[in-house]
């Protein structure tokens, strides 16, 4: 079964390119901190969270409020040493809130990402 899941992560019928913004905090020579976003392209199976809520935009479009990603690429959730990665999907930004590392069960990562507050309100 796990081989089937791993095979899906390389099947172009299911995976799609996804932009990840890797956020890294830096401190300049004056001690002022800032956050830099470095874009990365990964391949993942992207689905909406089962039973998850939707967010409406002013023009009545519906956006999923959370996504599930299955990928072979390691993603970052919120931890003490770094900020969570950001997923850009259909022009909206989603923050990784949970990462499950199942590489030992077939070589994949499962991550949940939630829509940034205010993102669904953009027109």
PDB file of N, CA and C in Angstrom:
ATOM      1  N   UNK A   1       0.817  -1.200   0.000  1.00  0.00           N
ATOM      2  CA  UNK A   1       0.000   0.000   0.000  1.00  0.00           C
ATOM      3  C   UNK A   1       0.857   1.258   0.000  1.00  0.00           C
ATOM      4  N   UNK A   2       1.919   1.269   0.803  1.00  0.00           N
ATOM      5  CA  UNK A   2       2.768   2.453   0.872  1.00  0.00           C
ATOM      6  C   UNK A   2       3.481   2.700  -0.452  1.00  0.00           C
ATOM      7  N   UNK A   3       3.810   1.624  -1.200  1.00  0.00           N
ATOM      8  CA  UNK A   3       4.419   1.823  -2.508  1.00  0.00           C
ATOM      9  C   UNK A   3       3.454   2.538  -3.444  1.00  0.00           C
ATOM     10  N   UNK A   4       2.171   2.251  -3.314  1.00  0.00           N
ATOM     11  CA  UNK A   4       1.164   2.910  -4.138  1.00  0.00           C
ATOM     12  C   UNK A   4       1.154   4.407  -3.832  1.00  0.00           C
ATOM     13  N   UNK A   5       1.202   4.778  -2.561  1.00  0.00           N
ATOM     14  CA  UNK A   5       1.219   6.190  -2.188  1.00  0.00           C
ATOM     15  C   UNK A   5       2.466   6.879  -2.711  1.00  0.00           C
ATOM     16  N   UNK A   6       3.603   6.234  -2.605  1.00  0.00           N
ATOM     17  CA  UNK A   6       4.848   6.816  -3.107  1.00  0.00           C
ATOM     18  C   UNK A   6       4.794   6.983  -4.617  1.00  0.00           C
ATOM     19  N   UNK A   7       4.200   6.013  -5.307  1.00  0.00           N
ATOM     20  CA  UNK A   7       4.067   6.104  -6.764  1.00  0.00           C
ATOM     21  C   UNK A   7       3.197   7.283  -7.166  1.00  0.00           C
ATOM     22  N   UNK A   8       2.161   7.580  -6.394  1.00  0.00           N
ATOM     23  CA  UNK A   8       1.280   8.708  -6.714  1.00  0.00           C
ATOM     24  C   UNK A   8       2.020  10.035  -6.667  1.00  0.00           C
ATOM     25  N   UNK A   9       3.036  10.128  -5.794  1.00  0.00           N
ATOM     26  CA  UNK A   9       3.777  11.376  -5.657  1.00  0.00           C
ATOM     27  C   UNK A   9       4.687  11.653  -6.841  1.00  0.00           C
ATOM     28  N   UNK A  10       4.841  10.675  -7.724  1.00  0.00           N
ATOM     29  CA  UNK A  10       5.624  10.909  -8.938  1.00  0.00           C
ATOM     30  C   UNK A  10       4.768  10.799 -10.197  1.00  0.00           C
ATOM     31  N   UNK A  11       3.470  10.617 -10.032  1.00  0.00           N
ATOM     32  CA  UNK A  11       2.557  10.481 -11.167  1.00  0.00           C
ATOM     33  C   UNK A  11       2.047  11.864 -11.579  1.00  0.00           C
ATOM     34  N   UNK A  12       2.350  12.305 -12.812  1.00  0.00           N
ATOM     35  CA  UNK A  12       1.918  13.638 -13.240  1.00  0.00           C
ATOM     36  C   UNK A  12       0.399  13.813 -13.299  1.00  0.00           C
ATOM     37  N   UNK A  13      -0.359  12.728 -13.217  1.00  0.00           N
ATOM     38  CA  UNK A  13      -1.818  12.847 -13.180  1.00  0.00           C
ATOM     39  C   UNK A  13      -2.305  13.383 -11.836  1.00  0.00           C
ATOM     40  N   UNK A  14      -1.490  13.250 -10.814  1.00  0.00           N
ATOM     41  CA  UNK A  14      -1.913  13.640  -9.467  1.00  0.00           C
ATOM     42  C   UNK A  14      -1.114  14.804  -8.890  1.00  0.00           C
ATOM     43  N   UNK A  15       0.177  14.863  -9.165  1.00  0.00           N
ATOM     44  CA  UNK A  15       0.998  15.919  -8.572  1.00  0.00           C
ATOM     45  C   UNK A  15       0.964  17.176  -9.430  1.00  0.00           C
ATOM     46  N   UNK A  16       1.244  18.286  -8.788  1.00  0.00           N
ATOM     47  CA  UNK A  16       1.314  19.552  -9.493  1.00  0.00           C
ATOM     48  C   UNK A  16       2.439  20.370  -8.879  1.00  0.00           C
ATOM     49  N   UNK A  17       3.019  21.284  -9.650  1.00  0.00           N
ATOM     50  CA  UNK A  17       4.032  22.159  -9.050  1.00  0.00           C
ATOM     51  C   UNK A  17       3.372  23.113  -8.054  1.00  0.00           C
ATOM     52  N   UNK A  18       4.024  23.307  -6.938  1.00  0.00           N
ATOM     53  CA  UNK A  18       3.509  24.168  -5.875  1.00  0.00           C
ATOM     54  C   UNK A  18       4.641  25.089  -5.433  1.00  0.00           C
ATOM     55  N   UNK A  19       4.325  26.360  -5.238  1.00  0.00           N
ATOM     56  CA  UNK A  19       5.320  27.303  -4.733  1.00  0.00           C
ATOM     57  C   UNK A  19       5.242  27.347  -3.215  1.00  0.00           C
ATOM     58  N   UNK A  20       6.389  27.140  -2.605  1.00  0.00           N
ATOM     59  CA  UNK A  20       6.543  27.239  -1.155  1.00  0.00           C
ATOM     60  C   UNK A  20       7.402  28.460  -0.877  1.00  0.00           C
ATOM     61  N   UNK A  21       6.991  29.282   0.056  1.00  0.00           N
ATOM     62  CA  UNK A  21       7.811  30.403   0.491  1.00  0.00           C
ATOM     63  C   UNK A  21       8.441  30.019   1.825  1.00  0.00           C
ATOM     64  N   UNK A  22       9.746  29.811   1.802  1.00  0.00           N
ATOM     65  CA  UNK A  22      10.472  29.452   3.023  1.00  0.00           C
ATOM     66  C   UNK A  22      10.862  30.738   3.721  1.00  0.00           C
ATOM     67  N   UNK A  23      10.292  30.959   4.907  1.00  0.00           N
ATOM     68  CA  UNK A  23      10.532  32.194   5.659  1.00  0.00           C
ATOM     69  C   UNK A  23      11.710  32.009   6.598  1.00  0.00           C
ATOM     70  N   UNK A  24      12.651  32.945   6.492  1.00  0.00           N
ATOM     71  CA  UNK A  24      13.840  32.891   7.334  1.00  0.00           C
ATOM     72  C   UNK A  24      14.056  34.255   7.966  1.00  0.00           C
ATOM     73  N   UNK A  25      14.308  34.245   9.248  1.00  0.00           N
ATOM     74  CA  UNK A  25      14.545  35.488   9.974  1.00  0.00           C
ATOM     75  C   UNK A  25      16.036  35.808   9.938  1.00  0.00           C
ATOM     76  N   UNK A  26      16.329  37.064   9.679  1.00  0.00           N
ATOM     77  CA  UNK A  26      17.721  37.516   9.661  1.00  0.00           C
ATOM     78  C   UNK A  26      17.833  38.754  10.547  1.00  0.00           C
ATOM     79  N   UNK A  27      19.039  39.014  11.001  1.00  0.00           N
ATOM     80  CA  UNK A  27      19.320  40.195  11.809  1.00  0.00           C
ATOM     81  C   UNK A  27      20.478  40.920  11.140  1.00  0.00           C
ATOM     82  N   UNK A  28      20.292  42.219  10.862  1.00  0.00           N
ATOM     83  CA  UNK A  28      21.363  42.970  10.204  1.00  0.00           C
ATOM     84  C   UNK A  28      22.410  43.433  11.213  1.00  0.00           C
ATOM     85  N   UNK A  29      23.415  44.164  10.717  1.00  0.00           N
ATOM     86  CA  UNK A  29      24.524  44.594  11.577  1.00  0.00           C
ATOM     87  C   UNK A  29      24.099  45.589  12.648  1.00  0.00           C
ATOM     88  N   UNK A  30      22.887  46.156  12.524  1.00  0.00           N
ATOM     89  CA  UNK A  30      22.379  47.090  13.525  1.00  0.00           C
ATOM     90  C   UNK A  30      21.432  46.411  14.514  1.00  0.00           C
ATOM     91  N   UNK A  31      21.292  45.101  14.396  1.00  0.00           N
ATOM     92  CA  UNK A  31      20.449  44.350  15.316  1.00  0.00           C
ATOM     93  C   UNK A  31      18.969  44.377  14.972  1.00  0.00           C
ATOM     94  N   UNK A  32      18.629  44.832  13.765  1.00  0.00           N
ATOM     95  CA  UNK A  32      17.228  44.900  13.353  1.00  0.00           C
ATOM     96  C   UNK A  32      16.874  43.623  12.600  1.00  0.00           C
ATOM     97  N   UNK A  33      15.834  42.981  13.083  1.00  0.00           N
ATOM     98  CA  UNK A  33      15.412  41.718  12.481  1.00  0.00           C
ATOM     99  C   UNK A  33      14.428  41.918  11.336  1.00  0.00           C
ATOM    100  N   UNK A  34      14.455  41.005  10.398  1.00  0.00           N
ATOM    101  CA  UNK A  34      13.494  41.020   9.298  1.00  0.00           C
ATOM    102  C   UNK A  34      13.275  39.580   8.837  1.00  0.00           C
ATOM    103  N   UNK A  35      12.179  39.398   8.127  1.00  0.00           N
ATOM    104  CA  UNK A  35      11.860  38.077   7.600  1.00  0.00           C
ATOM    105  C   UNK A  35      12.000  38.102   6.089  1.00  0.00           C
ATOM    106  N   UNK A  36      12.770  37.173   5.572  1.00  0.00           N
ATOM    107  CA  UNK A  36      12.963  37.025   4.129  1.00  0.00           C
ATOM    108  C   UNK A  36      12.183  35.797   3.674  1.00  0.00           C
ATOM    109  N   UNK A  37      11.551  35.898   2.504  1.00  0.00           N
ATOM    110  CA  UNK A  37      10.838  34.756   1.929  1.00  0.00           C
ATOM    111  C   UNK A  37      11.597  34.291   0.693  1.00  0.00           C
ATOM    112  N   UNK A  38      11.992  33.026   0.710  1.00  0.00           N
ATOM    113  CA  UNK A  38      12.715  32.444  -0.417  1.00  0.00           C
ATOM    114  C   UNK A  38      11.785  31.456  -1.111  1.00  0.00           C
ATOM    115  N   UNK A  39      11.438  31.703  -2.389  1.00  0.00           N
ATOM    116  CA  UNK A  39      10.523  30.782  -3.084  1.00  0.00           C
ATOM    117  C   UNK A  39      11.206  29.476  -3.466  1.00  0.00           C
ATOM    118  N   UNK A  40      10.489  28.383  -3.261  1.00  0.00           N
ATOM    119  CA  UNK A  40      10.942  27.048  -3.657  1.00  0.00           C
ATOM    120  C   UNK A  40       9.821  26.397  -4.446  1.00  0.00           C
ATOM    121  N   UNK A  41      10.166  25.615  -5.441  1.00  0.00           N
ATOM    122  CA  UNK A  41       9.133  24.874  -6.153  1.00  0.00           C
ATOM    123  C   UNK A  41       9.247  23.400  -5.773  1.00  0.00           C
ATOM    124  N   UNK A  42       8.119  22.836  -5.346  1.00  0.00           N
ATOM    125  CA  UNK A  42       8.054  21.416  -5.027  1.00  0.00           C
ATOM    126  C   UNK A  42       6.920  20.814  -5.851  1.00  0.00           C
ATOM    127  N   UNK A  43       6.799  19.507  -5.790  1.00  0.00           N
ATOM    128  CA  UNK A  43       5.683  18.815  -6.429  1.00  0.00           C
ATOM    129  C   UNK A  43       4.897  18.118  -5.334  1.00  0.00           C
ATOM    130  N   UNK A  44       3.567  18.276  -5.378  1.00  0.00           N
ATOM    131  CA  UNK A  44       2.723  17.736  -4.313  1.00  0.00           C
ATOM    132  C   UNK A  44       1.335  17.416  -4.844  1.00  0.00           C
ATOM    133  N   UNK A  45       0.670  16.520  -4.137  1.00  0.00           N
ATOM    134  CA  UNK A  45      -0.755  16.291  -4.336  1.00  0.00           C
ATOM    135  C   UNK A  45      -1.440  17.264  -3.388  1.00  0.00           C
ATOM    136  N   UNK A  46      -2.272  18.168  -3.919  1.00  0.00           N
ATOM    137  CA  UNK A  46      -2.928  19.195  -3.118  1.00  0.00           C
ATOM    138  C   UNK A  46      -4.427  18.941  -3.129  1.00  0.00           C
ATOM    139  N   UNK A  47      -4.993  18.813  -1.932  1.00  0.00           N
ATOM    140  CA  UNK A  47      -6.439  18.631  -1.788  1.00  0.00           C
ATOM    141  C   UNK A  47      -6.945  19.571  -0.706  1.00  0.00           C
ATOM    142  N   UNK A  48      -8.237  19.800  -0.700  1.00  0.00           N
ATOM    143  CA  UNK A  48      -8.805  20.577   0.400  1.00  0.00           C
ATOM    144  C   UNK A  48      -8.939  19.664   1.604  1.00  0.00           C
ATOM    145  N   UNK A  49      -8.935  20.263   2.761  1.00  0.00           N
ATOM    146  CA  UNK A  49      -9.085  19.499   3.987  1.00  0.00           C
ATOM    147  C   UNK A  49     -10.499  18.921   4.037  1.00  0.00           C
ATOM    148  N   UNK A  50     -10.640  17.629   4.302  1.00  0.00           N
ATOM    149  CA  UNK A  50     -11.975  17.030   4.316  1.00  0.00           C
ATOM    150  C   UNK A  50     -12.894  17.713   5.322  1.00  0.00           C
ATOM    151  N   UNK A  51     -14.033  18.154   4.845  1.00  0.00           N
ATOM    152  CA  UNK A  51     -14.995  18.796   5.736  1.00  0.00           C
ATOM    153  C   UNK A  51     -14.568  20.152   6.229  1.00  0.00           C
ATOM    154  N   UNK A  52     -13.473  20.672   5.655  1.00  0.00           N
ATOM    155  CA  UNK A  52     -12.972  21.954   6.105  1.00  0.00           C
ATOM    156  C   UNK A  52     -13.849  23.102   5.656  1.00  0.00           C
ATOM    157  N   UNK A  53     -13.771  24.215   6.364  1.00  0.00           N
ATOM    158  CA  UNK A  53     -14.589  25.374   6.000  1.00  0.00           C
ATOM    159  C   UNK A  53     -14.078  26.039   4.728  1.00  0.00           C
ATOM    160  N   UNK A  54     -14.938  26.827   4.109  1.00  0.00           N
ATOM    161  CA  UNK A  54     -14.579  27.618   2.946  1.00  0.00           C
ATOM    162  C   UNK A  54     -14.558  29.082   3.339  1.00  0.00           C
ATOM    163  N   UNK A  55     -13.783  29.863   2.609  1.00  0.00           N
ATOM    164  CA  UNK A  55     -13.716  31.297   2.832  1.00  0.00           C
ATOM    165  C   UNK A  55     -14.257  31.985   1.586  1.00  0.00           C
ATOM    166  N   UNK A  56     -15.103  32.991   1.767  1.00  0.00           N
ATOM    167  CA  UNK A  56     -15.686  33.714   0.633  1.00  0.00           C
ATOM    168  C   UNK A  56     -14.924  35.001   0.365  1.00  0.00           C
ATOM    169  N   UNK A  57     -14.830  35.354  -0.918  1.00  0.00           N
ATOM    170  CA  UNK A  57     -14.250  36.624  -1.308  1.00  0.00           C
ATOM    171  C   UNK A  57     -15.381  37.568  -1.676  1.00  0.00           C
ATOM    172  N   UNK A  58     -15.132  38.875  -1.766  1.00  0.00           N
ATOM    173  CA  UNK A  58     -16.204  39.817  -2.099  1.00  0.00           C
ATOM    174  C   UNK A  58     -16.904  39.520  -3.423  1.00  0.00           C
ATOM    175  N   UNK A  59     -16.203  38.908  -4.377  1.00  0.00           N
ATOM    176  CA  UNK A  59     -16.851  38.599  -5.654  1.00  0.00           C
ATOM    177  C   UNK A  59     -17.510  37.215  -5.642  1.00  0.00           C
ATOM    178  N   UNK A  60     -17.747  36.681  -4.461  1.00  0.00           N
ATOM    179  CA  UNK A  60     -18.486  35.429  -4.233  1.00  0.00           C
ATOM    180  C   UNK A  60     -17.716  34.178  -4.627  1.00  0.00           C
ATOM    181  N   UNK A  61     -16.411  34.292  -4.857  1.00  0.00           N
ATOM    182  CA  UNK A  61     -15.622  33.078  -5.078  1.00  0.00           C
ATOM    183  C   UNK A  61     -15.433  32.380  -3.733  1.00  0.00           C
ATOM    184  N   UNK A  62     -15.335  31.073  -3.774  1.00  0.00           N
ATOM    185  CA  UNK A  62     -15.134  30.298  -2.547  1.00  0.00           C
ATOM    186  C   UNK A  62     -13.721  29.723  -2.576  1.00  0.00           C
ATOM    187  N   UNK A  63     -13.005  29.917  -1.497  1.00  0.00           N
ATOM    188  CA  UNK A  63     -11.657  29.392  -1.361  1.00  0.00           C
ATOM    189  C   UNK A  63     -11.636  28.419  -0.188  1.00  0.00           C
ATOM    190  N   UNK A  64     -10.917  27.303  -0.331  1.00  0.00           N
ATOM    191  CA  UNK A  64     -10.791  26.426   0.837  1.00  0.00           C
ATOM    192  C   UNK A  64      -9.995  27.126   1.929  1.00  0.00           C
ATOM    193  N   UNK A  65     -10.441  26.992   3.161  1.00  0.00           N
ATOM    194  CA  UNK A  65      -9.753  27.628   4.282  1.00  0.00           C
ATOM    195  C   UNK A  65      -8.554  26.811   4.735  1.00  0.00           C
ATOM    196  N   UNK A  66      -8.475  25.540   4.316  1.00  0.00           N
ATOM    197  CA  UNK A  66      -7.294  24.735   4.619  1.00  0.00           C
ATOM    198  C   UNK A  66      -7.047  23.722   3.516  1.00  0.00           C
ATOM    199  N   UNK A  67      -5.776  23.378   3.346  1.00  0.00           N
ATOM    200  CA  UNK A  67      -5.332  22.440   2.320  1.00  0.00           C
ATOM    201  C   UNK A  67      -4.546  21.310   2.969  1.00  0.00           C
ATOM    202  N   UNK A  68      -4.532  20.176   2.294  1.00  0.00           N
ATOM    203  CA  UNK A  68      -3.668  19.064   2.673  1.00  0.00           C
ATOM    204  C   UNK A  68      -2.696  18.843   1.519  1.00  0.00           C
ATOM    205  N   UNK A  69      -1.416  18.751   1.839  1.00  0.00           N
ATOM    206  CA  UNK A  69      -0.397  18.473   0.831  1.00  0.00           C
ATOM    207  C   UNK A  69       0.275  17.154   1.162  1.00  0.00           C
ATOM    208  N   UNK A  70       0.468  16.324   0.139  1.00  0.00           N
ATOM    209  CA  UNK A  70       1.278  15.121   0.247  1.00  0.00           C
ATOM    210  C   UNK A  70       2.441  15.308  -0.713  1.00  0.00           C
ATOM    211  N   UNK A  71       3.652  15.204  -0.203  1.00  0.00           N
ATOM    212  CA  UNK A  71       4.835  15.488  -1.004  1.00  0.00           C
ATOM    213  C   UNK A  71       6.027  14.681  -0.510  1.00  0.00           C
ATOM    214  N   UNK A  72       7.031  14.566  -1.368  1.00  0.00           N
ATOM    215  CA  UNK A  72       8.281  13.942  -0.954  1.00  0.00           C
ATOM    216  C   UNK A  72       9.228  14.985  -0.357  1.00  0.00           C
ATOM    217  N   UNK A  73       8.884  16.259  -0.477  1.00  0.00           N
ATOM    218  CA  UNK A  73       9.724  17.359   0.018  1.00  0.00           C
ATOM    219  C   UNK A  73       9.419  17.646   1.486  1.00  0.00           C
ATOM    220  N   UNK A  74      10.455  17.906   2.253  1.00  0.00           N
ATOM    221  CA  UNK A  74      10.273  18.222   3.666  1.00  0.00           C
ATOM    222  C   UNK A  74       9.757  19.653   3.800  1.00  0.00           C
ATOM    223  N   UNK A  75       8.667  19.817   4.520  1.00  0.00           N
ATOM    224  CA  UNK A  75       8.076  21.129   4.755  1.00  0.00           C
ATOM    225  C   UNK A  75       8.230  21.488   6.221  1.00  0.00           C
ATOM    226  N   UNK A  76       8.192  22.780   6.503  1.00  0.00           N
ATOM    227  CA  UNK A  76       8.353  23.262   7.876  1.00  0.00           C
ATOM    228  C   UNK A  76       7.025  23.740   8.444  1.00  0.00           C
ATOM    229  N   UNK A  77       6.721  23.273   9.641  1.00  0.00           N
ATOM    230  CA  UNK A  77       5.606  23.809  10.402  1.00  0.00           C
ATOM    231  C   UNK A  77       6.158  24.808  11.404  1.00  0.00           C
ATOM    232  N   UNK A  78       5.305  25.319  12.273  1.00  0.00           N
ATOM    233  CA  UNK A  78       5.742  26.284  13.291  1.00  0.00           C
ATOM    234  C   UNK A  78       6.560  25.566  14.358  1.00  0.00           C
ATOM    235  N   UNK A  79       7.785  26.011  14.528  1.00  0.00           N
ATOM    236  CA  UNK A  79       8.668  25.473  15.559  1.00  0.00           C
ATOM    237  C   UNK A  79       9.486  26.613  16.126  1.00  0.00           C
ATOM    238  N   UNK A  80      10.121  26.368  17.238  1.00  0.00           N
ATOM    239  CA  UNK A  80      10.860  27.423  17.930  1.00  0.00           C
ATOM    240  C   UNK A  80      11.997  27.991  17.083  1.00  0.00           C
ATOM    241  N   UNK A  81      12.649  27.170  16.276  1.00  0.00           N
ATOM    242  CA  UNK A  81      13.832  27.650  15.561  1.00  0.00           C
ATOM    243  C   UNK A  81      13.551  28.267  14.196  1.00  0.00           C
ATOM    244  N   UNK A  82      12.317  28.210  13.715  1.00  0.00           N
ATOM    245  CA  UNK A  82      12.001  28.835  12.425  1.00  0.00           C
ATOM    246  C   UNK A  82      10.497  29.071  12.264  1.00  0.00           C
ATOM    247  N   UNK A  83      10.182  29.936  11.320  1.00  0.00           N
ATOM    248  CA  UNK A  83       8.782  30.213  11.010  1.00  0.00           C
ATOM    249  C   UNK A  83       8.265  29.150  10.041  1.00  0.00           C
ATOM    250  N   UNK A  84       6.955  28.914  10.038  1.00  0.00           N
ATOM    251  CA  UNK A  84       6.409  27.900   9.132  1.00  0.00           C
ATOM    252  C   UNK A  84       6.462  28.347   7.672  1.00  0.00           C
ATOM    253  N   UNK A  85       6.541  27.358   6.789  1.00  0.00           N
ATOM    254  CA  UNK A  85       6.507  27.629   5.357  1.00  0.00           C
ATOM    255  C   UNK A  85       5.134  28.154   4.960  1.00  0.00           C
ATOM    256  N   UNK A  86       5.102  28.832   3.812  1.00  0.00           N
ATOM    257  CA  UNK A  86       3.867  29.362   3.245  1.00  0.00           C
ATOM    258  C   UNK A  86       3.650  28.678   1.897  1.00  0.00           C
ATOM    259  N   UNK A  87       2.424  28.227   1.653  1.00  0.00           N
ATOM    260  CA  UNK A  87       2.038  27.613   0.383  1.00  0.00           C
ATOM    261  C   UNK A  87       1.260  28.653  -0.417  1.00  0.00           C
ATOM    262  N   UNK A  88       1.631  28.837  -1.680  1.00  0.00           N
ATOM    263  CA  UNK A  88       0.871  29.721  -2.560  1.00  0.00           C
ATOM    264  C   UNK A  88       0.054  28.810  -3.473  1.00  0.00           C
ATOM    265  N   UNK A  89      -1.274  28.898  -3.339  1.00  0.00           N
ATOM    266  CA  UNK A  89      -2.183  28.032  -4.098  1.00  0.00           C
ATOM    267  C   UNK A  89      -3.312  28.877  -4.665  1.00  0.00           C
ATOM    268  N   UNK A  90      -3.446  28.880  -5.984  1.00  0.00           N
ATOM    269  CA  UNK A  90      -4.491  29.645  -6.675  1.00  0.00           C
ATOM    270  C   UNK A  90      -4.479  31.118  -6.255  1.00  0.00           C
ATOM    271  N   UNK A  91      -3.272  31.663  -6.101  1.00  0.00           N
ATOM    272  CA  UNK A  91      -3.126  33.074  -5.763  1.00  0.00           C
ATOM    273  C   UNK A  91      -3.327  33.423  -4.307  1.00  0.00           C
ATOM    274  N   UNK A  92      -3.591  32.433  -3.470  1.00  0.00           N
ATOM    275  CA  UNK A  92      -3.814  32.668  -2.032  1.00  0.00           C
ATOM    276  C   UNK A  92      -2.648  32.095  -1.233  1.00  0.00           C
ATOM    277  N   UNK A  93      -2.395  32.683  -0.068  1.00  0.00           N
ATOM    278  CA  UNK A  93      -1.308  32.235   0.808  1.00  0.00           C
ATOM    279  C   UNK A  93      -1.877  31.413   1.963  1.00  0.00           C
ATOM    280  N   UNK A  94      -1.282  30.250   2.169  1.00  0.00           N
ATOM    281  CA  UNK A  94      -1.666  29.341   3.244  1.00  0.00           C
ATOM    282  C   UNK A  94      -0.422  29.067   4.084  1.00  0.00           C
ATOM    283  N   UNK A  95      -0.570  29.072   5.400  1.00  0.00           N
ATOM    284  CA  UNK A  95       0.548  28.804   6.300  1.00  0.00           C
ATOM    285  C   UNK A  95       0.498  27.344   6.757  1.00  0.00           C
ATOM    286  N   UNK A  96       1.655  26.677   6.724  1.00  0.00           N
ATOM    287  CA  UNK A  96       1.740  25.293   7.197  1.00  0.00           C
ATOM    288  C   UNK A  96       1.522  25.288   8.707  1.00  0.00           C
ATOM    289  N   UNK A  97       0.534  24.514   9.163  1.00  0.00           N
ATOM    290  CA  UNK A  97       0.225  24.464  10.594  1.00  0.00           C
ATOM    291  C   UNK A  97       0.544  23.104  11.211  1.00  0.00           C
ATOM    292  N   UNK A  98       0.673  22.088  10.368  1.00  0.00           N
ATOM    293  CA  UNK A  98       0.992  20.761  10.894  1.00  0.00           C
ATOM    294  C   UNK A  98       1.751  19.973   9.833  1.00  0.00           C
ATOM    295  N   UNK A  99       2.813  19.298  10.257  1.00  0.00           N
ATOM    296  CA  UNK A  99       3.595  18.450   9.357  1.00  0.00           C
ATOM    297  C   UNK A  99       3.713  17.070   9.980  1.00  0.00           C
ATOM    298  N   UNK A 100       3.359  16.073   9.205  1.00  0.00           N
ATOM    299  CA  UNK A 100       3.529  14.684   9.642  1.00  0.00           C
ATOM    300  C   UNK A 100       4.543  14.030   8.722  1.00  0.00           C
ATOM    301  N   UNK A 101       5.630  13.576   9.293  1.00  0.00           N
ATOM    302  CA  UNK A 101       6.712  12.972   8.532  1.00  0.00           C
ATOM    303  C   UNK A 101       6.484  11.464   8.463  1.00  0.00           C
ATOM    304  N   UNK A 102       6.031  11.006   7.311  1.00  0.00           N
ATOM    305  CA  UNK A 102       5.777   9.589   7.104  1.00  0.00           C
ATOM    306  C   UNK A 102       6.780   8.992   6.116  1.00  0.00           C
ATOM    307  N   UNK A 103       7.983   9.567   6.083  1.00  0.00           N
ATOM    308  CA  UNK A 103       8.995   9.034   5.163  1.00  0.00           C
ATOM    309  C   UNK A 103       9.345   7.588   5.497  1.00  0.00           C
ATOM    310  N   UNK A 104       9.268   7.219   6.763  1.00  0.00           N
ATOM    311  CA  UNK A 104       9.580   5.850   7.154  1.00  0.00           C
ATOM    312  C   UNK A 104       8.491   4.857   6.713  1.00  0.00           C
ATOM    313  N   UNK A 105       7.336   5.360   6.298  1.00  0.00           N
ATOM    314  CA  UNK A 105       6.232   4.498   5.861  1.00  0.00           C
ATOM    315  C   UNK A 105       6.007   4.526   4.353  1.00  0.00           C
ATOM    316  N   UNK A 106       6.905   5.100   3.624  1.00  0.00           N
ATOM    317  CA  UNK A 106       6.720   5.125   2.183  1.00  0.00           C
ATOM    318  C   UNK A 106       7.265   6.356   1.506  1.00  0.00           C
ATOM    319  N   UNK A 107       7.955   7.169   2.243  1.00  0.00           N
ATOM    320  CA  UNK A 107       8.653   8.275   1.625  1.00  0.00           C
ATOM    321  C   UNK A 107       7.860   9.523   1.350  1.00  0.00           C
ATOM    322  N   UNK A 108       6.927   9.908   2.235  1.00  0.00           N
ATOM    323  CA  UNK A 108       6.199  11.135   1.970  1.00  0.00           C
ATOM    324  C   UNK A 108       5.933  11.931   3.248  1.00  0.00           C
ATOM    325  N   UNK A 109       5.616  13.184   3.019  1.00  0.00           N
ATOM    326  CA  UNK A 109       5.269  14.134   4.074  1.00  0.00           C
ATOM    327  C   UNK A 109       3.815  14.524   3.865  1.00  0.00           C
ATOM    328  N   UNK A 110       3.046  14.603   4.943  1.00  0.00           N
ATOM    329  CA  UNK A 110       1.678  15.114   4.887  1.00  0.00           C
ATOM    330  C   UNK A 110       1.673  16.406   5.684  1.00  0.00           C
ATOM    331  N   UNK A 111       1.196  17.481   5.052  1.00  0.00           N
ATOM    332  CA  UNK A 111       1.165  18.776   5.733  1.00  0.00           C
ATOM    333  C   UNK A 111      -0.211  19.404   5.572  1.00  0.00           C
ATOM    334  N   UNK A 112      -0.646  20.085   6.628  1.00  0.00           N
ATOM    335  CA  UNK A 112      -1.888  20.848   6.565  1.00  0.00           C
ATOM    336  C   UNK A 112      -1.523  22.322   6.567  1.00  0.00           C
ATOM    337  N   UNK A 113      -2.188  23.082   5.708  1.00  0.00           N
ATOM    338  CA  UNK A 113      -1.948  24.522   5.612  1.00  0.00           C
ATOM    339  C   UNK A 113      -3.275  25.258   5.722  1.00  0.00           C
ATOM    340  N   UNK A 114      -3.275  26.362   6.462  1.00  0.00           N
ATOM    341  CA  UNK A 114      -4.491  27.156   6.637  1.00  0.00           C
ATOM    342  C   UNK A 114      -4.339  28.510   5.965  1.00  0.00           C
ATOM    343  N   UNK A 115      -5.439  28.985   5.420  1.00  0.00           N
ATOM    344  CA  UNK A 115      -5.481  30.283   4.751  1.00  0.00           C
ATOM    345  C   UNK A 115      -5.076  31.381   5.721  1.00  0.00           C
ATOM    346  N   UNK A 116      -4.180  32.263   5.273  1.00  0.00           N
ATOM    347  CA  UNK A 116      -3.791  33.401   6.099  1.00  0.00           C
ATOM    348  C   UNK A 116      -5.024  34.245   6.406  1.00  0.00           C
ATOM    349  N   UNK A 117      -5.138  34.786   7.612  1.00  0.00           N
ATOM    350  CA  UNK A 117      -6.265  35.673   7.916  1.00  0.00           C
ATOM    351  C   UNK A 117      -6.286  36.843   6.939  1.00  0.00           C
ATOM    352  N   UNK A 118      -7.459  37.135   6.410  1.00  0.00           N
ATOM    353  CA  UNK A 118      -7.599  38.228   5.464  1.00  0.00           C
ATOM    354  C   UNK A 118      -7.371  37.845   4.022  1.00  0.00           C
ATOM    355  N   UNK A 119      -6.758  36.691   3.747  1.00  0.00           N
ATOM    356  CA  UNK A 119      -6.498  36.277   2.374  1.00  0.00           C
ATOM    357  C   UNK A 119      -7.791  36.036   1.616  1.00  0.00           C
ATOM    358  N   UNK A 120      -8.782  35.446   2.252  1.00  0.00           N
ATOM    359  CA  UNK A 120     -10.041  35.180   1.582  1.00  0.00           C
ATOM    360  C   UNK A 120     -10.847  36.437   1.322  1.00  0.00           C
ATOM    361  N   UNK A 121     -10.433  37.560   1.924  1.00  0.00           N
ATOM    362  CA  UNK A 121     -11.172  38.808   1.745  1.00  0.00           C
ATOM    363  C   UNK A 121     -10.662  39.620   0.561  1.00  0.00           C
ATOM    364  N   UNK A 122      -9.571  39.162  -0.101  1.00  0.00           N
ATOM    365  CA  UNK A 122      -9.031  39.910  -1.228  1.00  0.00           C
ATOM    366  C   UNK A 122      -9.932  39.794  -2.427  1.00  0.00           C
ATOM    367  N   UNK A 123      -9.982  40.839  -3.212  1.00  0.00           N
ATOM    368  CA  UNK A 123     -10.787  40.759  -4.433  1.00  0.00           C
ATOM    369  C   UNK A 123      -9.918  40.528  -5.637  1.00  0.00           C
TER     370      UNK A 123
END
